[in-house]
């Protein structure tokens, strides 16, 4: 079963996917905390549309084409002063519409559209490796520099205004980092797999973890375990990576939910005043 991990053909794709699956859950935890979990899907649809346009027009690598669309979405959110998930719903609709229209009016558009959705991890090359490595470095720097400010902005929302802090720096910086993470994910593991890596591990950690740092660590562990299982199974069973990764994450979520119910004695979680 481990032969596929040491096969030279798959070593570079394996490293790229491992880096991506290690970072996306951290972004997901921050988005979940901010109540903007739909951002991943919004950025993903814009990134998928721009990646498809870049591929079909000038042959741009998907990861770079996706980056342009995701950054455009992050800038629109920041300078348009949008709050909540409404803007991300509009991104989803516009990205979905553009993707299907471009795919329908191109000889190879439909095949490329399926590639964006299912991912192209096994074809990852040096550009994807560089993008994933840059993403890891920027995520570490961003969390070390501004994570405490982002958390405080959620817990004490009036502090920034009362102290006249330059809050746009860390909020815009995090939006751009989220856009970059989603773009890199689109160019490697695919659209829905990227959203699953952002949403499911963070959602599970917020339900089960007793604290913030434990939630971050738990989300990364869930994501990496799901990635390793999927990578091996997809090669051994000759299955598409993206859909299988989503299935593995959902299976883990179901098992975690059953475990939590069993530990609580299957009592409903209602609070009566």
C-alpha atoms as a PDB file:
ATOM      1  CA  UNK A   1       0.000   0.000   0.000  1.00  0.00           C
ATOM      2  CA  UNK A   2       2.897   2.368   0.640  1.00  0.00           C
ATOM      3  CA  UNK A   3       4.572   1.730  -2.715  1.00  0.00           C
ATOM      4  CA  UNK A   4       2.668   4.630  -4.250  1.00  0.00           C
ATOM      5  CA  UNK A   5       4.189   7.025  -1.710  1.00  0.00           C
ATOM      6  CA  UNK A   6       7.768   6.150  -2.632  1.00  0.00           C
ATOM      7  CA  UNK A   7       7.237   5.854  -6.397  1.00  0.00           C
ATOM      8  CA  UNK A   8       9.402   8.598  -7.985  1.00  0.00           C
ATOM      9  CA  UNK A   9       6.581   9.476 -10.382  1.00  0.00           C
ATOM     10  CA  UNK A  10       4.291  10.492  -7.521  1.00  0.00           C
ATOM     11  CA  UNK A  11       6.792  11.951  -5.060  1.00  0.00           C
ATOM     12  CA  UNK A  12       6.452  15.559  -6.207  1.00  0.00           C
ATOM     13  CA  UNK A  13       2.616  15.461  -6.413  1.00  0.00           C
ATOM     14  CA  UNK A  14       2.558  13.862  -2.969  1.00  0.00           C
ATOM     15  CA  UNK A  15       4.641  16.667  -1.453  1.00  0.00           C
ATOM     16  CA  UNK A  16       2.536  19.345  -3.155  1.00  0.00           C
ATOM     17  CA  UNK A  17      -0.698  17.836  -1.865  1.00  0.00           C
ATOM     18  CA  UNK A  18       0.747  17.378   1.618  1.00  0.00           C
ATOM     19  CA  UNK A  19       1.710  21.050   1.815  1.00  0.00           C
ATOM     20  CA  UNK A  20      -1.695  22.173   0.589  1.00  0.00           C
ATOM     21  CA  UNK A  21      -3.598  19.869   2.943  1.00  0.00           C
ATOM     22  CA  UNK A  22      -1.523  21.174   5.870  1.00  0.00           C
ATOM     23  CA  UNK A  23      -2.345  24.834   5.222  1.00  0.00           C
ATOM     24  CA  UNK A  24      -5.969  24.889   4.089  1.00  0.00           C
ATOM     25  CA  UNK A  25      -7.384  23.741   7.475  1.00  0.00           C
ATOM     26  CA  UNK A  26      -5.623  26.637   9.225  1.00  0.00           C
ATOM     27  CA  UNK A  27      -7.255  29.068   6.815  1.00  0.00           C
ATOM     28  CA  UNK A  28     -10.524  27.243   7.401  1.00  0.00           C
ATOM     29  CA  UNK A  29     -10.308  27.693  11.174  1.00  0.00           C
ATOM     30  CA  UNK A  30      -9.826  31.439  10.802  1.00  0.00           C
ATOM     31  CA  UNK A  31     -12.698  31.684   8.322  1.00  0.00           C
ATOM     32  CA  UNK A  32     -14.915  29.606  10.607  1.00  0.00           C
ATOM     33  CA  UNK A  33     -14.077  31.853  13.542  1.00  0.00           C
ATOM     34  CA  UNK A  34     -14.907  34.962  11.486  1.00  0.00           C
ATOM     35  CA  UNK A  35     -18.202  33.486  10.313  1.00  0.00           C
ATOM     36  CA  UNK A  36     -17.007  33.590   6.698  1.00  0.00           C
ATOM     37  CA  UNK A  37     -16.701  29.869   5.942  1.00  0.00           C
ATOM     38  CA  UNK A  38     -18.489  30.408   2.609  1.00  0.00           C
ATOM     39  CA  UNK A  39     -15.497  32.493   1.487  1.00  0.00           C
ATOM     40  CA  UNK A  40     -13.618  29.361   0.468  1.00  0.00           C
ATOM     41  CA  UNK A  41     -16.346  28.313  -1.937  1.00  0.00           C
ATOM     42  CA  UNK A  42     -16.756  31.856  -3.258  1.00  0.00           C
ATOM     43  CA  UNK A  43     -13.047  32.307  -3.927  1.00  0.00           C
ATOM     44  CA  UNK A  44     -12.923  28.784  -5.334  1.00  0.00           C
ATOM     45  CA  UNK A  45     -15.573  29.463  -7.977  1.00  0.00           C
ATOM     46  CA  UNK A  46     -13.915  32.692  -9.072  1.00  0.00           C
ATOM     47  CA  UNK A  47     -10.536  30.964  -9.109  1.00  0.00           C
ATOM     48  CA  UNK A  48     -11.911  28.063 -11.127  1.00  0.00           C
ATOM     49  CA  UNK A  49     -13.411  30.389 -13.717  1.00  0.00           C
ATOM     50  CA  UNK A  50     -10.241  32.462 -14.110  1.00  0.00           C
ATOM     51  CA  UNK A  51      -8.077  29.324 -14.228  1.00  0.00           C
ATOM     52  CA  UNK A  52     -10.208  27.933 -17.038  1.00  0.00           C
ATOM     53  CA  UNK A  53     -10.078  31.207 -18.969  1.00  0.00           C
ATOM     54  CA  UNK A  54      -6.304  31.427 -18.534  1.00  0.00           C
ATOM     55  CA  UNK A  55      -5.793  27.852 -19.706  1.00  0.00           C
ATOM     56  CA  UNK A  56      -7.958  28.217 -22.798  1.00  0.00           C
ATOM     57  CA  UNK A  57      -6.738  31.653 -23.894  1.00  0.00           C
ATOM     58  CA  UNK A  58      -2.992  31.880 -23.266  1.00  0.00           C
ATOM     59  CA  UNK A  59      -2.125  28.464 -21.808  1.00  0.00           C
ATOM     60  CA  UNK A  60      -1.488  29.877 -18.342  1.00  0.00           C
ATOM     61  CA  UNK A  61      -0.888  27.248 -15.629  1.00  0.00           C
ATOM     62  CA  UNK A  62      -4.083  26.666 -13.707  1.00  0.00           C
ATOM     63  CA  UNK A  63      -2.571  27.610 -10.364  1.00  0.00           C
ATOM     64  CA  UNK A  64      -1.605  31.100 -11.623  1.00  0.00           C
ATOM     65  CA  UNK A  65      -4.862  31.692 -13.468  1.00  0.00           C
ATOM     66  CA  UNK A  66      -6.775  30.702 -10.362  1.00  0.00           C
ATOM     67  CA  UNK A  67      -4.689  33.093  -8.289  1.00  0.00           C
ATOM     68  CA  UNK A  68      -5.760  36.092 -10.388  1.00  0.00           C
ATOM     69  CA  UNK A  69      -9.447  35.344  -9.948  1.00  0.00           C
ATOM     70  CA  UNK A  70      -9.174  34.657  -6.226  1.00  0.00           C
ATOM     71  CA  UNK A  71      -7.207  37.859  -5.578  1.00  0.00           C
ATOM     72  CA  UNK A  72      -9.778  39.838  -7.547  1.00  0.00           C
ATOM     73  CA  UNK A  73     -12.472  38.431  -5.268  1.00  0.00           C
ATOM     74  CA  UNK A  74     -10.500  39.296  -2.136  1.00  0.00           C
ATOM     75  CA  UNK A  75      -9.951  42.876  -3.308  1.00  0.00           C
ATOM     76  CA  UNK A  76     -13.622  43.233  -4.196  1.00  0.00           C
ATOM     77  CA  UNK A  77     -14.624  42.093  -0.708  1.00  0.00           C
ATOM     78  CA  UNK A  78     -12.129  44.388   1.019  1.00  0.00           C
ATOM     79  CA  UNK A  79     -12.630  47.619  -0.924  1.00  0.00           C
ATOM     80  CA  UNK A  80     -16.355  47.049  -1.364  1.00  0.00           C
ATOM     81  CA  UNK A  81     -16.622  46.828   2.440  1.00  0.00           C
ATOM     82  CA  UNK A  82     -18.775  43.714   2.286  1.00  0.00           C
ATOM     83  CA  UNK A  83     -19.483  41.817   5.496  1.00  0.00           C
ATOM     84  CA  UNK A  84     -20.955  38.373   5.992  1.00  0.00           C
ATOM     85  CA  UNK A  85     -21.456  35.630   3.430  1.00  0.00           C
ATOM     86  CA  UNK A  86     -23.669  37.474   0.909  1.00  0.00           C
ATOM     87  CA  UNK A  87     -20.741  38.584  -1.246  1.00  0.00           C
ATOM     88  CA  UNK A  88     -19.402  35.036  -1.325  1.00  0.00           C
ATOM     89  CA  UNK A  89     -22.762  33.745  -2.542  1.00  0.00           C
ATOM     90  CA  UNK A  90     -22.543  36.233  -5.415  1.00  0.00           C
ATOM     91  CA  UNK A  91     -19.001  35.040  -6.155  1.00  0.00           C
ATOM     92  CA  UNK A  92     -20.236  31.450  -6.312  1.00  0.00           C
ATOM     93  CA  UNK A  93     -22.994  32.312  -8.752  1.00  0.00           C
ATOM     94  CA  UNK A  94     -20.806  34.446 -11.002  1.00  0.00           C
ATOM     95  CA  UNK A  95     -17.932  31.959 -11.000  1.00  0.00           C
ATOM     96  CA  UNK A  96     -20.240  29.015 -11.696  1.00  0.00           C
ATOM     97  CA  UNK A  97     -21.946  30.853 -14.537  1.00  0.00           C
ATOM     98  CA  UNK A  98     -18.672  31.971 -16.122  1.00  0.00           C
ATOM     99  CA  UNK A  99     -17.124  28.512 -15.858  1.00  0.00           C
ATOM    100  CA  UNK A 100     -19.993  26.733 -17.572  1.00  0.00           C
ATOM    101  CA  UNK A 101     -20.402  29.375 -20.288  1.00  0.00           C
ATOM    102  CA  UNK A 102     -16.694  29.343 -21.129  1.00  0.00           C
ATOM    103  CA  UNK A 103     -16.625  25.539 -21.077  1.00  0.00           C
ATOM    104  CA  UNK A 104     -19.683  25.276 -23.339  1.00  0.00           C
ATOM    105  CA  UNK A 105     -18.191  27.590 -25.961  1.00  0.00           C
ATOM    106  CA  UNK A 106     -14.764  25.963 -26.239  1.00  0.00           C
ATOM    107  CA  UNK A 107     -13.844  22.682 -27.981  1.00  0.00           C
ATOM    108  CA  UNK A 108     -11.935  21.427 -24.932  1.00  0.00           C
ATOM    109  CA  UNK A 109     -13.654  23.604 -22.361  1.00  0.00           C
ATOM    110  CA  UNK A 110     -15.842  20.882 -20.884  1.00  0.00           C
ATOM    111  CA  UNK A 111     -12.887  18.576 -20.300  1.00  0.00           C
ATOM    112  CA  UNK A 112     -10.893  21.406 -18.711  1.00  0.00           C
ATOM    113  CA  UNK A 113     -13.867  22.307 -16.541  1.00  0.00           C
ATOM    114  CA  UNK A 114     -13.991  18.751 -15.199  1.00  0.00           C
ATOM    115  CA  UNK A 115     -10.252  18.998 -14.549  1.00  0.00           C
ATOM    116  CA  UNK A 116     -10.765  22.123 -12.449  1.00  0.00           C
ATOM    117  CA  UNK A 117     -13.486  20.413 -10.426  1.00  0.00           C
ATOM    118  CA  UNK A 118     -11.757  17.045  -9.937  1.00  0.00           C
ATOM    119  CA  UNK A 119      -8.224  18.451  -9.563  1.00  0.00           C
ATOM    120  CA  UNK A 120      -4.947  17.632 -11.250  1.00  0.00           C
ATOM    121  CA  UNK A 121      -2.766  16.656  -8.319  1.00  0.00           C
ATOM    122  CA  UNK A 122      -1.042  13.773 -10.117  1.00  0.00           C
ATOM    123  CA  UNK A 123       0.119  16.196 -12.818  1.00  0.00           C
ATOM    124  CA  UNK A 124       1.576  18.669 -10.330  1.00  0.00           C
ATOM    125  CA  UNK A 125       4.965  19.999 -11.337  1.00  0.00           C
ATOM    126  CA  UNK A 126       7.485  22.554 -10.110  1.00  0.00           C
ATOM    127  CA  UNK A 127       5.141  25.589 -10.498  1.00  0.00           C
ATOM    128  CA  UNK A 128       2.627  23.935  -8.173  1.00  0.00           C
ATOM    129  CA  UNK A 129       5.399  23.004  -5.731  1.00  0.00           C
ATOM    130  CA  UNK A 130       6.695  26.569  -5.648  1.00  0.00           C
ATOM    131  CA  UNK A 131       3.173  27.933  -5.164  1.00  0.00           C
ATOM    132  CA  UNK A 132       2.475  25.488  -2.324  1.00  0.00           C
ATOM    133  CA  UNK A 133       5.780  26.283  -0.609  1.00  0.00           C
ATOM    134  CA  UNK A 134       5.126  30.034  -0.867  1.00  0.00           C
ATOM    135  CA  UNK A 135       1.652  29.482   0.561  1.00  0.00           C
ATOM    136  CA  UNK A 136       3.049  27.617   3.570  1.00  0.00           C
ATOM    137  CA  UNK A 137       5.598  30.340   4.245  1.00  0.00           C
ATOM    138  CA  UNK A 138       3.084  33.176   3.955  1.00  0.00           C
ATOM    139  CA  UNK A 139       0.575  31.357   6.148  1.00  0.00           C
ATOM    140  CA  UNK A 140       3.125  30.871   8.919  1.00  0.00           C
ATOM    141  CA  UNK A 141       4.172  34.532   8.741  1.00  0.00           C
ATOM    142  CA  UNK A 142       0.564  35.731   8.682  1.00  0.00           C
ATOM    143  CA  UNK A 143      -0.476  33.631  11.665  1.00  0.00           C
ATOM    144  CA  UNK A 144       2.565  34.640  13.697  1.00  0.00           C
ATOM    145  CA  UNK A 145       2.085  38.315  12.871  1.00  0.00           C
ATOM    146  CA  UNK A 146      -1.654  38.858  12.868  1.00  0.00           C
ATOM    147  CA  UNK A 147      -3.500  35.784  14.172  1.00  0.00           C
ATOM    148  CA  UNK A 148      -4.007  37.326  17.608  1.00  0.00           C
ATOM    149  CA  UNK A 149      -5.383  40.493  16.030  1.00  0.00           C
ATOM    150  CA  UNK A 150      -7.806  38.550  13.858  1.00  0.00           C
ATOM    151  CA  UNK A 151      -9.058  36.549  16.839  1.00  0.00           C
ATOM    152  CA  UNK A 152      -9.374  39.677  18.967  1.00  0.00           C
ATOM    153  CA  UNK A 153     -11.345  41.409  16.210  1.00  0.00           C
ATOM    154  CA  UNK A 154     -13.967  38.663  16.516  1.00  0.00           C
ATOM    155  CA  UNK A 155     -14.065  38.563  20.314  1.00  0.00           C
ATOM    156  CA  UNK A 156     -13.822  42.330  20.852  1.00  0.00           C
ATOM    157  CA  UNK A 157     -15.084  43.927  17.625  1.00  0.00           C
ATOM    158  CA  UNK A 158     -15.128  47.502  18.986  1.00  0.00           C
ATOM    159  CA  UNK A 159     -11.478  47.542  20.062  1.00  0.00           C
ATOM    160  CA  UNK A 160     -10.100  48.357  16.599  1.00  0.00           C
ATOM    161  CA  UNK A 161     -12.422  51.322  16.139  1.00  0.00           C
ATOM    162  CA  UNK A 162     -12.015  52.598  19.681  1.00  0.00           C
ATOM    163  CA  UNK A 163      -8.217  52.546  19.441  1.00  0.00           C
ATOM    164  CA  UNK A 164      -8.134  53.670  15.790  1.00  0.00           C
ATOM    165  CA  UNK A 165      -6.009  50.719  14.774  1.00  0.00           C
ATOM    166  CA  UNK A 166      -5.037  50.225  11.086  1.00  0.00           C
ATOM    167  CA  UNK A 167      -7.222  47.133  10.940  1.00  0.00           C
ATOM    168  CA  UNK A 168      -7.324  47.075   7.139  1.00  0.00           C
ATOM    169  CA  UNK A 169      -3.785  45.705   7.126  1.00  0.00           C
ATOM    170  CA  UNK A 170      -4.520  42.381   8.766  1.00  0.00           C
ATOM    171  CA  UNK A 171      -8.053  42.006   7.416  1.00  0.00           C
ATOM    172  CA  UNK A 172      -7.009  42.625   3.814  1.00  0.00           C
ATOM    173  CA  UNK A 173      -3.877  40.550   4.352  1.00  0.00           C
ATOM    174  CA  UNK A 174      -5.925  37.601   5.560  1.00  0.00           C
ATOM    175  CA  UNK A 175      -8.396  37.945   2.678  1.00  0.00           C
ATOM    176  CA  UNK A 176      -5.513  37.874   0.201  1.00  0.00           C
ATOM    177  CA  UNK A 177      -3.961  34.890   1.979  1.00  0.00           C
ATOM    178  CA  UNK A 178      -7.300  33.059   1.835  1.00  0.00           C
ATOM    179  CA  UNK A 179      -7.526  33.830  -1.877  1.00  0.00           C
ATOM    180  CA  UNK A 180      -4.002  32.530  -2.443  1.00  0.00           C
ATOM    181  CA  UNK A 181      -4.716  29.346  -0.476  1.00  0.00           C
ATOM    182  CA  UNK A 182      -7.886  28.626  -2.429  1.00  0.00           C
ATOM    183  CA  UNK A 183      -6.156  29.352  -5.752  1.00  0.00           C
ATOM    184  CA  UNK A 184      -3.322  26.945  -4.989  1.00  0.00           C
ATOM    185  CA  UNK A 185      -5.852  24.348  -3.867  1.00  0.00           C
ATOM    186  CA  UNK A 186      -7.855  24.745  -7.082  1.00  0.00           C
ATOM    187  CA  UNK A 187      -4.729  24.225  -9.164  1.00  0.00           C
ATOM    188  CA  UNK A 188      -3.827  21.020  -7.334  1.00  0.00           C
ATOM    189  CA  UNK A 189      -6.591  19.095  -5.573  1.00  0.00           C
ATOM    190  CA  UNK A 190      -9.571  20.679  -7.348  1.00  0.00           C
ATOM    191  CA  UNK A 191     -12.458  22.996  -6.539  1.00  0.00           C
ATOM    192  CA  UNK A 192     -14.680  20.977  -4.214  1.00  0.00           C
ATOM    193  CA  UNK A 193     -11.754  19.176  -2.560  1.00  0.00           C
ATOM    194  CA  UNK A 194     -10.287  22.576  -1.697  1.00  0.00           C
ATOM    195  CA  UNK A 195     -13.558  23.662  -0.124  1.00  0.00           C
ATOM    196  CA  UNK A 196     -13.764  20.371   1.766  1.00  0.00           C
ATOM    197  CA  UNK A 197     -10.237  20.804   3.175  1.00  0.00           C
ATOM    198  CA  UNK A 198     -11.097  24.325   4.309  1.00  0.00           C
ATOM    199  CA  UNK A 199     -14.503  23.533   5.774  1.00  0.00           C
ATOM    200  CA  UNK A 200     -14.692  19.982   7.139  1.00  0.00           C
ATOM    201  CA  UNK A 201     -11.552  19.785   9.370  1.00  0.00           C
ATOM    202  CA  UNK A 202     -12.261  23.218  10.872  1.00  0.00           C
ATOM    203  CA  UNK A 203     -15.914  22.356  11.432  1.00  0.00           C
ATOM    204  CA  UNK A 204     -14.986  19.117  13.188  1.00  0.00           C
ATOM    205  CA  UNK A 205     -12.368  20.806  15.354  1.00  0.00           C
ATOM    206  CA  UNK A 206     -14.746  23.538  16.447  1.00  0.00           C
ATOM    207  CA  UNK A 207     -17.230  20.878  17.547  1.00  0.00           C
ATOM    208  CA  UNK A 208     -14.765  18.637  19.382  1.00  0.00           C
ATOM    209  CA  UNK A 209     -11.705  20.650  20.448  1.00  0.00           C
ATOM    210  CA  UNK A 210     -11.665  22.270  23.917  1.00  0.00           C
ATOM    211  CA  UNK A 211      -9.580  25.297  22.883  1.00  0.00           C
ATOM    212  CA  UNK A 212      -8.309  27.419  20.016  1.00  0.00           C
ATOM    213  CA  UNK A 213      -4.825  25.943  19.677  1.00  0.00           C
ATOM    214  CA  UNK A 214      -6.200  22.436  20.005  1.00  0.00           C
ATOM    215  CA  UNK A 215      -8.675  23.239  17.241  1.00  0.00           C
ATOM    216  CA  UNK A 216      -5.881  24.377  14.923  1.00  0.00           C
ATOM    217  CA  UNK A 217      -3.804  21.297  15.623  1.00  0.00           C
ATOM    218  CA  UNK A 218      -6.781  18.964  15.331  1.00  0.00           C
ATOM    219  CA  UNK A 219      -7.891  20.453  12.013  1.00  0.00           C
ATOM    220  CA  UNK A 220      -4.432  19.957  10.509  1.00  0.00           C
ATOM    221  CA  UNK A 221      -4.266  16.362  11.789  1.00  0.00           C
ATOM    222  CA  UNK A 222      -7.682  15.517  10.335  1.00  0.00           C
ATOM    223  CA  UNK A 223      -6.743  17.036   6.987  1.00  0.00           C
ATOM    224  CA  UNK A 224      -3.382  15.279   6.719  1.00  0.00           C
ATOM    225  CA  UNK A 225      -4.827  11.895   7.711  1.00  0.00           C
ATOM    226  CA  UNK A 226      -7.612  12.241   5.149  1.00  0.00           C
ATOM    227  CA  UNK A 227      -5.084  13.262   2.507  1.00  0.00           C
ATOM    228  CA  UNK A 228      -2.800  10.290   3.155  1.00  0.00           C
ATOM    229  CA  UNK A 229      -5.686   7.822   3.051  1.00  0.00           C
ATOM    230  CA  UNK A 230      -7.048   9.360  -0.147  1.00  0.00           C
ATOM    231  CA  UNK A 231      -3.696   9.502  -1.915  1.00  0.00           C
ATOM    232  CA  UNK A 232      -3.091   5.797  -1.389  1.00  0.00           C
ATOM    233  CA  UNK A 233      -6.641   4.681  -2.147  1.00  0.00           C
ATOM    234  CA  UNK A 234      -6.972   6.827  -5.252  1.00  0.00           C
ATOM    235  CA  UNK A 235      -3.872   5.246  -6.782  1.00  0.00           C
ATOM    236  CA  UNK A 236      -4.626   1.711  -5.701  1.00  0.00           C
ATOM    237  CA  UNK A 237      -8.279   1.814  -6.739  1.00  0.00           C
ATOM    238  CA  UNK A 238      -7.776   4.063  -9.797  1.00  0.00           C
ATOM    239  CA  UNK A 239     -10.244   6.688  -8.568  1.00  0.00           C
ATOM    240  CA  UNK A 240     -10.308  10.476  -9.109  1.00  0.00           C
ATOM    241  CA  UNK A 241      -8.516  12.164  -6.231  1.00  0.00           C
ATOM    242  CA  UNK A 242     -10.822  15.133  -5.565  1.00  0.00           C
ATOM    243  CA  UNK A 243     -14.146  13.293  -5.167  1.00  0.00           C
ATOM    244  CA  UNK A 244     -12.501  10.543  -3.139  1.00  0.00           C
ATOM    245  CA  UNK A 245     -10.921  13.090  -0.774  1.00  0.00           C
ATOM    246  CA  UNK A 246     -14.319  14.708  -0.203  1.00  0.00           C
ATOM    247  CA  UNK A 247     -15.819  11.268   0.492  1.00  0.00           C
ATOM    248  CA  UNK A 248     -13.066  10.416   2.996  1.00  0.00           C
ATOM    249  CA  UNK A 249     -13.519  13.734   4.815  1.00  0.00           C
ATOM    250  CA  UNK A 250     -17.270  13.273   4.960  1.00  0.00           C
ATOM    251  CA  UNK A 251     -16.806   9.727   6.239  1.00  0.00           C
ATOM    252  CA  UNK A 252     -14.541  11.037   8.976  1.00  0.00           C
ATOM    253  CA  UNK A 253     -17.106  13.705   9.849  1.00  0.00           C
ATOM    254  CA  UNK A 254     -19.846  11.079  10.171  1.00  0.00           C
ATOM    255  CA  UNK A 255     -17.710   8.885  12.416  1.00  0.00           C
ATOM    256  CA  UNK A 256     -16.784  11.870  14.585  1.00  0.00           C
ATOM    257  CA  UNK A 257     -20.451  12.807  14.871  1.00  0.00           C
ATOM    258  CA  UNK A 258     -21.420   9.291  15.897  1.00  0.00           C
ATOM    259  CA  UNK A 259     -18.611   9.234  18.476  1.00  0.00           C
ATOM    260  CA  UNK A 260     -19.764  12.532  19.967  1.00  0.00           C
ATOM    261  CA  UNK A 261     -23.353  11.322  20.157  1.00  0.00           C
ATOM    262  CA  UNK A 262     -22.260   8.074  21.793  1.00  0.00           C
ATOM    263  CA  UNK A 263     -20.114   9.901  24.348  1.00  0.00           C
ATOM    264  CA  UNK A 264     -23.036  12.165  25.260  1.00  0.00           C
ATOM    265  CA  UNK A 265     -25.439   9.253  25.597  1.00  0.00           C
ATOM    266  CA  UNK A 266     -27.368  10.192  22.435  1.00  0.00           C
ATOM    267  CA  UNK A 267     -29.047  13.065  24.276  1.00  0.00           C
ATOM    268  CA  UNK A 268     -30.317  15.987  22.186  1.00  0.00           C
ATOM    269  CA  UNK A 269     -28.219  19.137  22.542  1.00  0.00           C
ATOM    270  CA  UNK A 270     -30.990  21.533  23.561  1.00  0.00           C
ATOM    271  CA  UNK A 271     -30.663  24.375  26.010  1.00  0.00           C
ATOM    272  CA  UNK A 272     -33.731  25.389  27.974  1.00  0.00           C
ATOM    273  CA  UNK A 273     -33.975  28.747  29.647  1.00  0.00           C
END
